[in-house]
N, C-alpha and C. Protein backbone atom coordinates (compact mmCIF):
# COMPACT_ATOMS: atom_id res chain seq x y z
N UNK A 1 -81.70 -24.18 125.04
CA UNK A 1 -80.70 -24.90 125.79
C UNK A 1 -79.68 -25.55 124.87
N UNK A 2 -80.12 -26.12 123.75
CA UNK A 2 -79.21 -26.76 122.81
C UNK A 2 -78.24 -25.75 122.22
N UNK A 3 -78.72 -24.54 121.92
CA UNK A 3 -77.84 -23.53 121.33
C UNK A 3 -76.79 -23.05 122.34
N UNK A 4 -77.13 -23.01 123.63
CA UNK A 4 -76.18 -22.62 124.67
C UNK A 4 -75.06 -23.65 124.76
N UNK A 5 -75.42 -24.92 124.74
CA UNK A 5 -74.43 -26.00 124.79
C UNK A 5 -73.54 -25.95 123.54
N UNK A 6 -74.17 -25.72 122.40
CA UNK A 6 -73.40 -25.65 121.15
C UNK A 6 -72.40 -24.49 121.21
N UNK A 7 -72.80 -23.34 121.74
CA UNK A 7 -71.90 -22.20 121.86
C UNK A 7 -70.76 -22.50 122.82
N UNK A 8 -71.06 -23.17 123.94
CA UNK A 8 -70.02 -23.54 124.91
C UNK A 8 -69.00 -24.50 124.29
N UNK A 9 -69.48 -25.49 123.57
CA UNK A 9 -68.59 -26.46 122.91
C UNK A 9 -67.71 -25.74 121.90
N UNK A 10 -68.30 -24.85 121.13
CA UNK A 10 -67.55 -24.08 120.13
C UNK A 10 -66.49 -23.21 120.80
N UNK A 11 -66.88 -22.51 121.87
CA UNK A 11 -65.95 -21.63 122.58
C UNK A 11 -64.80 -22.43 123.18
N UNK A 12 -65.11 -23.58 123.80
CA UNK A 12 -64.06 -24.43 124.38
C UNK A 12 -63.11 -24.97 123.33
N UNK A 13 -63.64 -25.39 122.19
CA UNK A 13 -62.76 -25.93 121.14
C UNK A 13 -61.86 -24.83 120.59
N UNK A 14 -62.35 -23.59 120.52
CA UNK A 14 -61.52 -22.47 120.07
C UNK A 14 -60.42 -22.18 121.07
N UNK A 15 -60.73 -22.21 122.36
CA UNK A 15 -59.73 -21.97 123.39
C UNK A 15 -58.65 -23.06 123.39
N UNK A 16 -59.07 -24.30 123.23
CA UNK A 16 -58.12 -25.41 123.25
C UNK A 16 -57.20 -25.36 122.03
N UNK A 17 -57.73 -25.03 120.87
CA UNK A 17 -56.91 -25.05 119.66
C UNK A 17 -56.08 -23.78 119.47
N UNK A 18 -56.39 -22.69 120.15
CA UNK A 18 -55.66 -21.44 119.95
C UNK A 18 -54.17 -21.55 120.27
N UNK A 19 -53.76 -22.11 121.42
CA UNK A 19 -52.33 -22.18 121.69
C UNK A 19 -51.58 -23.00 120.65
N UNK A 20 -52.16 -24.07 120.17
CA UNK A 20 -51.49 -24.88 119.16
C UNK A 20 -51.28 -24.08 117.88
N UNK A 21 -52.26 -23.30 117.50
CA UNK A 21 -52.13 -22.47 116.31
C UNK A 21 -51.06 -21.41 116.48
N UNK A 22 -50.98 -20.80 117.67
CA UNK A 22 -49.95 -19.80 117.93
C UNK A 22 -48.57 -20.43 117.90
N UNK A 23 -48.42 -21.61 118.47
CA UNK A 23 -47.14 -22.30 118.48
C UNK A 23 -46.71 -22.64 117.07
N UNK A 24 -47.61 -23.16 116.26
CA UNK A 24 -47.26 -23.52 114.89
C UNK A 24 -46.83 -22.29 114.11
N UNK A 25 -47.49 -21.17 114.33
CA UNK A 25 -47.15 -19.95 113.60
C UNK A 25 -45.80 -19.40 114.07
N UNK A 26 -45.56 -19.39 115.37
CA UNK A 26 -44.33 -18.78 115.87
C UNK A 26 -43.10 -19.62 115.54
N UNK A 27 -43.25 -20.93 115.39
CA UNK A 27 -42.11 -21.77 115.06
C UNK A 27 -42.04 -22.09 113.58
N UNK A 28 -42.95 -21.60 112.80
CA UNK A 28 -42.96 -21.93 111.38
C UNK A 28 -43.60 -23.28 111.17
N UNK A 29 -43.91 -23.59 109.94
CA UNK A 29 -44.60 -24.83 109.65
C UNK A 29 -43.65 -25.96 109.29
N UNK A 30 -42.36 -25.67 109.11
CA UNK A 30 -41.43 -26.71 108.73
C UNK A 30 -40.77 -27.31 109.95
N UNK A 31 -40.30 -28.52 109.80
CA UNK A 31 -39.61 -29.22 110.86
C UNK A 31 -38.24 -29.63 110.33
N UNK A 32 -37.17 -28.92 110.71
CA UNK A 32 -35.86 -29.22 110.16
C UNK A 32 -35.18 -30.44 110.77
N UNK A 33 -35.68 -30.96 111.90
CA UNK A 33 -35.00 -32.06 112.58
C UNK A 33 -34.82 -33.32 111.74
N UNK A 34 -35.81 -33.79 111.00
CA UNK A 34 -35.59 -35.00 110.21
C UNK A 34 -34.42 -34.88 109.22
N UNK A 35 -34.15 -33.68 108.77
CA UNK A 35 -33.04 -33.48 107.83
C UNK A 35 -31.68 -33.77 108.47
N UNK A 36 -31.57 -33.70 109.79
CA UNK A 36 -30.29 -33.95 110.47
C UNK A 36 -29.93 -35.43 110.50
N UNK A 37 -30.91 -36.30 110.39
CA UNK A 37 -30.64 -37.74 110.49
C UNK A 37 -29.68 -38.19 109.40
N UNK A 38 -28.79 -39.09 109.74
CA UNK A 38 -27.90 -39.67 108.75
C UNK A 38 -26.45 -39.34 109.00
N UNK A 39 -25.62 -39.73 108.03
CA UNK A 39 -24.16 -39.51 108.12
C UNK A 39 -23.76 -38.27 107.35
N UNK A 40 -22.87 -37.52 107.97
CA UNK A 40 -22.41 -36.25 107.43
C UNK A 40 -20.89 -36.18 107.53
N UNK A 41 -20.29 -35.34 106.69
CA UNK A 41 -18.87 -35.07 106.78
C UNK A 41 -18.63 -33.57 106.71
N UNK A 42 -17.54 -33.15 107.33
CA UNK A 42 -17.13 -31.75 107.27
C UNK A 42 -16.60 -31.48 105.88
N UNK A 43 -16.93 -30.34 105.34
CA UNK A 43 -16.53 -30.00 103.97
C UNK A 43 -15.01 -30.00 103.80
N UNK A 44 -14.28 -29.68 104.86
CA UNK A 44 -12.82 -29.71 104.82
C UNK A 44 -12.27 -31.11 104.59
N UNK A 45 -12.99 -32.13 105.06
CA UNK A 45 -12.55 -33.52 104.84
C UNK A 45 -12.65 -33.89 103.36
N UNK A 46 -13.64 -33.36 102.68
CA UNK A 46 -13.78 -33.61 101.24
C UNK A 46 -12.59 -33.01 100.50
N UNK A 47 -12.23 -31.79 100.89
CA UNK A 47 -11.11 -31.11 100.25
C UNK A 47 -9.81 -31.87 100.48
N UNK A 48 -9.64 -32.49 101.64
CA UNK A 48 -8.40 -33.21 101.97
C UNK A 48 -8.31 -34.58 101.31
N UNK A 49 -9.41 -35.34 101.35
CA UNK A 49 -9.30 -36.74 100.91
C UNK A 49 -10.37 -37.20 99.94
N UNK A 50 -11.25 -36.32 99.49
CA UNK A 50 -12.33 -36.72 98.60
C UNK A 50 -13.53 -37.21 99.39
N UNK A 51 -14.70 -37.12 98.78
CA UNK A 51 -15.94 -37.43 99.48
C UNK A 51 -16.05 -38.90 99.87
N UNK A 52 -15.70 -39.79 98.96
CA UNK A 52 -15.84 -41.23 99.25
C UNK A 52 -15.00 -41.64 100.45
N UNK A 53 -13.73 -41.25 100.46
CA UNK A 53 -12.85 -41.60 101.57
C UNK A 53 -13.29 -40.91 102.86
N UNK A 54 -13.65 -39.63 102.76
CA UNK A 54 -14.10 -38.89 103.94
C UNK A 54 -15.35 -39.54 104.55
N UNK A 55 -16.27 -39.97 103.70
CA UNK A 55 -17.49 -40.62 104.20
C UNK A 55 -17.18 -41.97 104.85
N UNK A 56 -16.15 -42.63 104.38
CA UNK A 56 -15.77 -43.93 104.96
C UNK A 56 -15.02 -43.78 106.27
N UNK A 57 -14.28 -42.68 106.43
CA UNK A 57 -13.37 -42.57 107.58
C UNK A 57 -13.68 -41.45 108.57
N UNK A 58 -14.29 -40.36 108.12
CA UNK A 58 -14.43 -39.17 108.97
C UNK A 58 -15.87 -38.70 109.13
N UNK A 59 -16.81 -39.60 109.17
CA UNK A 59 -18.22 -39.25 109.25
C UNK A 59 -18.66 -38.92 110.67
N UNK A 60 -19.76 -38.23 110.75
CA UNK A 60 -20.50 -38.05 111.99
C UNK A 60 -21.93 -38.42 111.68
N UNK A 61 -22.51 -39.29 112.51
CA UNK A 61 -23.89 -39.74 112.29
C UNK A 61 -24.79 -39.13 113.35
N UNK A 62 -25.89 -38.53 112.90
CA UNK A 62 -26.87 -37.91 113.80
C UNK A 62 -28.16 -38.73 113.78
N UNK A 63 -28.73 -38.93 114.97
CA UNK A 63 -30.01 -39.61 115.12
C UNK A 63 -30.91 -38.73 115.99
N UNK A 64 -32.14 -38.56 115.58
CA UNK A 64 -33.10 -37.73 116.31
C UNK A 64 -34.02 -38.65 117.10
N UNK A 65 -34.21 -38.34 118.39
CA UNK A 65 -35.09 -39.15 119.23
C UNK A 65 -36.53 -39.05 118.75
N UNK A 66 -37.33 -40.04 119.10
CA UNK A 66 -38.73 -40.09 118.67
C UNK A 66 -39.51 -38.85 119.12
N UNK A 67 -39.21 -38.34 120.31
CA UNK A 67 -39.92 -37.15 120.80
C UNK A 67 -39.29 -35.83 120.30
N UNK A 68 -38.21 -35.95 119.54
CA UNK A 68 -37.49 -34.82 118.95
C UNK A 68 -36.92 -33.84 119.98
N UNK A 69 -36.63 -34.34 121.17
CA UNK A 69 -36.02 -33.51 122.20
C UNK A 69 -34.51 -33.71 122.29
N UNK A 70 -33.98 -34.75 121.63
CA UNK A 70 -32.55 -35.03 121.66
C UNK A 70 -32.04 -35.40 120.27
N UNK A 71 -30.79 -35.01 120.03
CA UNK A 71 -30.08 -35.44 118.83
C UNK A 71 -28.80 -36.11 119.32
N UNK A 72 -28.65 -37.38 119.01
CA UNK A 72 -27.46 -38.14 119.39
C UNK A 72 -26.52 -38.16 118.20
N UNK A 73 -25.24 -38.04 118.48
CA UNK A 73 -24.24 -38.13 117.41
C UNK A 73 -23.20 -39.18 117.78
N UNK A 74 -22.57 -39.73 116.75
CA UNK A 74 -21.46 -40.66 116.95
C UNK A 74 -20.50 -40.52 115.79
N UNK A 75 -19.24 -40.81 116.05
CA UNK A 75 -18.22 -40.66 115.02
C UNK A 75 -17.02 -41.56 115.34
N UNK A 76 -16.27 -41.97 114.30
CA UNK A 76 -15.09 -42.80 114.55
C UNK A 76 -13.92 -41.94 115.02
N UNK A 77 -13.11 -42.51 115.88
CA UNK A 77 -11.93 -41.82 116.38
C UNK A 77 -10.75 -42.79 116.39
N UNK A 78 -9.67 -42.38 115.79
CA UNK A 78 -8.44 -43.16 115.80
C UNK A 78 -7.39 -42.36 116.53
N UNK A 79 -6.99 -42.86 117.70
CA UNK A 79 -5.99 -42.16 118.50
C UNK A 79 -5.01 -43.18 119.07
N UNK A 80 -3.74 -42.92 118.86
CA UNK A 80 -2.69 -43.81 119.34
C UNK A 80 -2.89 -45.24 118.85
N UNK A 81 -3.30 -45.37 117.58
CA UNK A 81 -3.50 -46.69 116.98
C UNK A 81 -4.74 -47.42 117.48
N UNK A 82 -5.56 -46.74 118.22
CA UNK A 82 -6.76 -47.34 118.81
C UNK A 82 -8.00 -46.79 118.11
N UNK A 83 -8.83 -47.66 117.56
CA UNK A 83 -10.06 -47.24 116.87
C UNK A 83 -11.24 -47.41 117.81
N UNK A 84 -12.04 -46.35 117.93
CA UNK A 84 -13.26 -46.42 118.74
C UNK A 84 -14.33 -45.51 118.16
N UNK A 85 -15.55 -45.74 118.57
CA UNK A 85 -16.67 -44.88 118.18
C UNK A 85 -17.03 -44.04 119.40
N UNK A 86 -16.97 -42.73 119.22
CA UNK A 86 -17.33 -41.81 120.30
C UNK A 86 -18.74 -41.29 120.04
N UNK A 87 -19.40 -40.82 121.09
CA UNK A 87 -20.77 -40.34 120.93
C UNK A 87 -21.12 -39.29 121.97
N UNK A 88 -22.22 -38.62 121.75
CA UNK A 88 -22.73 -37.63 122.68
C UNK A 88 -24.16 -37.27 122.32
N UNK A 89 -24.72 -36.35 123.07
CA UNK A 89 -26.12 -35.98 122.89
C UNK A 89 -26.31 -34.48 123.02
N UNK A 90 -27.11 -33.94 122.11
CA UNK A 90 -27.56 -32.55 122.18
C UNK A 90 -28.99 -32.54 122.71
N UNK A 91 -29.32 -31.57 123.54
CA UNK A 91 -30.71 -31.31 123.92
C UNK A 91 -31.25 -30.25 122.96
N UNK A 92 -32.37 -30.54 122.33
CA UNK A 92 -32.98 -29.58 121.40
C UNK A 92 -33.71 -28.52 122.22
N UNK A 93 -33.31 -27.28 122.05
CA UNK A 93 -33.94 -26.17 122.77
C UNK A 93 -35.13 -25.63 122.00
N UNK A 94 -34.96 -25.45 120.70
CA UNK A 94 -36.07 -25.05 119.85
C UNK A 94 -35.68 -25.27 118.40
N UNK A 95 -36.69 -25.25 117.56
CA UNK A 95 -36.49 -25.33 116.12
C UNK A 95 -37.47 -24.38 115.47
N UNK A 96 -37.00 -23.70 114.44
CA UNK A 96 -37.88 -22.83 113.68
C UNK A 96 -37.28 -22.64 112.30
N UNK A 97 -38.17 -22.57 111.34
CA UNK A 97 -37.78 -22.44 109.94
C UNK A 97 -36.73 -23.50 109.61
N UNK A 98 -35.52 -23.09 109.28
CA UNK A 98 -34.48 -24.06 108.92
C UNK A 98 -33.39 -24.15 109.99
N UNK A 99 -33.70 -23.75 111.22
CA UNK A 99 -32.71 -23.72 112.30
C UNK A 99 -33.12 -24.61 113.47
N UNK A 100 -32.09 -25.25 114.06
CA UNK A 100 -32.30 -26.06 115.26
C UNK A 100 -31.28 -25.59 116.29
N UNK A 101 -31.74 -25.10 117.43
CA UNK A 101 -30.85 -24.66 118.51
C UNK A 101 -30.72 -25.80 119.51
N UNK A 102 -29.47 -26.11 119.88
CA UNK A 102 -29.21 -27.26 120.74
C UNK A 102 -28.11 -26.95 121.75
N UNK A 103 -28.18 -27.62 122.88
CA UNK A 103 -27.16 -27.57 123.91
C UNK A 103 -26.45 -28.91 123.93
N UNK A 104 -25.13 -28.92 123.84
CA UNK A 104 -24.35 -30.15 123.86
C UNK A 104 -24.10 -30.57 125.30
N UNK A 105 -24.66 -31.70 125.70
CA UNK A 105 -24.48 -32.20 127.06
C UNK A 105 -23.01 -32.42 127.36
N UNK A 106 -22.57 -31.93 128.50
CA UNK A 106 -21.19 -32.13 128.94
C UNK A 106 -20.19 -31.13 128.40
N UNK A 107 -20.63 -30.20 127.57
CA UNK A 107 -19.68 -29.21 127.03
C UNK A 107 -19.47 -28.10 128.04
N UNK A 108 -18.21 -27.79 128.31
CA UNK A 108 -17.88 -26.78 129.31
C UNK A 108 -17.38 -25.47 128.72
N UNK A 109 -17.17 -25.43 127.41
CA UNK A 109 -16.67 -24.19 126.79
C UNK A 109 -17.68 -23.07 126.98
N UNK A 110 -17.14 -21.87 127.04
CA UNK A 110 -18.00 -20.69 127.20
C UNK A 110 -17.57 -19.59 126.24
N UNK A 111 -18.53 -18.76 125.89
CA UNK A 111 -18.25 -17.58 125.07
C UNK A 111 -17.53 -16.54 125.93
N UNK A 112 -17.01 -15.50 125.30
CA UNK A 112 -16.36 -14.41 126.04
C UNK A 112 -17.30 -13.76 127.05
N UNK A 113 -18.60 -13.87 126.80
CA UNK A 113 -19.60 -13.30 127.72
C UNK A 113 -19.80 -14.16 128.96
N UNK A 114 -19.25 -15.37 128.94
CA UNK A 114 -19.44 -16.30 130.04
C UNK A 114 -20.58 -17.27 129.80
N UNK A 115 -21.36 -17.04 128.74
CA UNK A 115 -22.48 -17.92 128.42
C UNK A 115 -21.98 -19.23 127.82
N UNK A 116 -22.72 -20.29 128.06
CA UNK A 116 -22.41 -21.59 127.47
C UNK A 116 -22.73 -21.55 125.97
N UNK A 117 -22.06 -22.43 125.24
CA UNK A 117 -22.33 -22.52 123.80
C UNK A 117 -23.73 -23.08 123.56
N UNK A 118 -24.44 -22.45 122.67
CA UNK A 118 -25.69 -22.97 122.13
C UNK A 118 -25.41 -23.16 120.64
N UNK A 119 -25.48 -24.39 120.19
CA UNK A 119 -25.18 -24.70 118.80
C UNK A 119 -26.45 -24.58 117.96
N UNK A 120 -26.34 -23.90 116.83
CA UNK A 120 -27.47 -23.75 115.92
C UNK A 120 -27.09 -24.43 114.61
N UNK A 121 -27.84 -25.46 114.25
CA UNK A 121 -27.68 -26.10 112.94
C UNK A 121 -28.58 -25.36 111.96
N UNK A 122 -27.99 -24.85 110.91
CA UNK A 122 -28.75 -24.14 109.88
C UNK A 122 -28.83 -25.08 108.68
N UNK A 123 -30.02 -25.61 108.45
CA UNK A 123 -30.22 -26.58 107.37
C UNK A 123 -30.40 -25.80 106.07
N UNK A 124 -29.38 -25.82 105.22
CA UNK A 124 -29.46 -25.11 103.95
C UNK A 124 -30.24 -25.90 102.91
N UNK A 125 -29.93 -27.18 102.81
CA UNK A 125 -30.63 -28.09 101.90
C UNK A 125 -30.71 -29.44 102.59
N UNK A 126 -31.33 -30.41 101.97
CA UNK A 126 -31.40 -31.74 102.58
C UNK A 126 -30.03 -32.42 102.62
N UNK A 127 -29.04 -31.86 101.91
CA UNK A 127 -27.71 -32.45 101.86
C UNK A 127 -26.60 -31.54 102.39
N UNK A 128 -26.97 -30.43 103.04
CA UNK A 128 -25.95 -29.51 103.55
C UNK A 128 -26.50 -28.70 104.72
N UNK A 129 -25.70 -28.61 105.79
CA UNK A 129 -26.05 -27.71 106.88
C UNK A 129 -24.79 -27.05 107.43
N UNK A 130 -24.99 -25.97 108.16
CA UNK A 130 -23.91 -25.21 108.77
C UNK A 130 -24.09 -25.20 110.28
N UNK A 131 -22.98 -25.12 111.01
CA UNK A 131 -23.03 -24.91 112.46
C UNK A 131 -22.75 -23.43 112.74
N UNK A 132 -23.50 -22.87 113.66
CA UNK A 132 -23.25 -21.52 114.15
C UNK A 132 -23.41 -21.55 115.66
N UNK A 133 -22.57 -20.81 116.36
CA UNK A 133 -22.71 -20.70 117.81
C UNK A 133 -23.56 -19.48 118.09
N UNK A 134 -24.69 -19.69 118.79
CA UNK A 134 -25.60 -18.60 119.11
C UNK A 134 -24.86 -17.54 119.93
N UNK A 135 -25.00 -16.29 119.52
CA UNK A 135 -24.37 -15.20 120.25
C UNK A 135 -23.00 -14.83 119.72
N UNK A 136 -22.41 -15.68 118.89
CA UNK A 136 -21.11 -15.36 118.29
C UNK A 136 -21.36 -14.76 116.91
N UNK A 137 -20.64 -13.69 116.60
CA UNK A 137 -20.84 -13.08 115.29
C UNK A 137 -20.10 -13.91 114.24
N UNK A 138 -20.78 -14.22 113.17
CA UNK A 138 -20.21 -15.03 112.09
C UNK A 138 -20.70 -14.49 110.76
N UNK A 139 -19.80 -14.39 109.82
CA UNK A 139 -20.18 -14.00 108.47
C UNK A 139 -20.54 -15.26 107.69
N UNK A 140 -21.27 -15.12 106.59
CA UNK A 140 -21.56 -16.30 105.77
C UNK A 140 -20.30 -17.03 105.31
N UNK A 141 -19.24 -16.28 105.05
CA UNK A 141 -17.98 -16.90 104.63
C UNK A 141 -17.39 -17.75 105.75
N UNK A 142 -17.45 -17.25 106.98
CA UNK A 142 -16.93 -18.01 108.12
C UNK A 142 -17.76 -19.27 108.37
N UNK A 143 -19.08 -19.13 108.27
CA UNK A 143 -19.96 -20.28 108.48
C UNK A 143 -19.73 -21.36 107.43
N UNK A 144 -19.45 -20.96 106.20
CA UNK A 144 -19.26 -21.93 105.11
C UNK A 144 -18.07 -22.85 105.38
N UNK A 145 -17.09 -22.39 106.16
CA UNK A 145 -15.92 -23.21 106.50
C UNK A 145 -16.32 -24.42 107.35
N UNK A 146 -17.45 -24.32 108.02
CA UNK A 146 -17.89 -25.38 108.93
C UNK A 146 -19.08 -26.15 108.39
N UNK A 147 -19.29 -26.06 107.09
CA UNK A 147 -20.42 -26.75 106.46
C UNK A 147 -20.27 -28.26 106.61
N UNK A 148 -21.41 -28.93 106.72
CA UNK A 148 -21.46 -30.38 106.72
C UNK A 148 -22.23 -30.81 105.50
N UNK A 149 -21.77 -31.89 104.87
CA UNK A 149 -22.37 -32.41 103.64
C UNK A 149 -22.77 -33.85 103.91
N UNK A 150 -23.95 -34.23 103.41
CA UNK A 150 -24.47 -35.58 103.65
C UNK A 150 -23.66 -36.61 102.87
N UNK A 151 -23.40 -37.74 103.51
CA UNK A 151 -22.76 -38.87 102.84
C UNK A 151 -23.82 -39.64 102.07
N UNK A 152 -23.42 -40.25 100.94
CA UNK A 152 -24.41 -41.05 100.16
C UNK A 152 -24.84 -42.30 100.91
């Protein structure tokens, strides 16, 4: 009787842990979301005004929710002599290896196919990432134009 119970407990624990193991394998073992946290600037801003000035004036700050289902962003905006901080939220659809696929809440733009934009952040290093629109063809050279670099 004891061996039957032991076999049942073993079988149940294998069944319970199997989906978690499959999920970890299919999504990779790394978690790129923490790398998004912090202030970033577009590489073009560095070319225009230098990194220090760009980080002071043209930053975008990303914050990841505790459950890792949302990424909130905020950035300064100066329009018509009026300074304000604008913000928005991405819903995280999935993450794997060095990529995070997200949907920007409230965005109405669509691809030529009629599909909504799905933004993919490609984390190259802890201090650099690229944006790519899922379903749009992009060369590495084109993606590099939209690189983001971490502010100190």
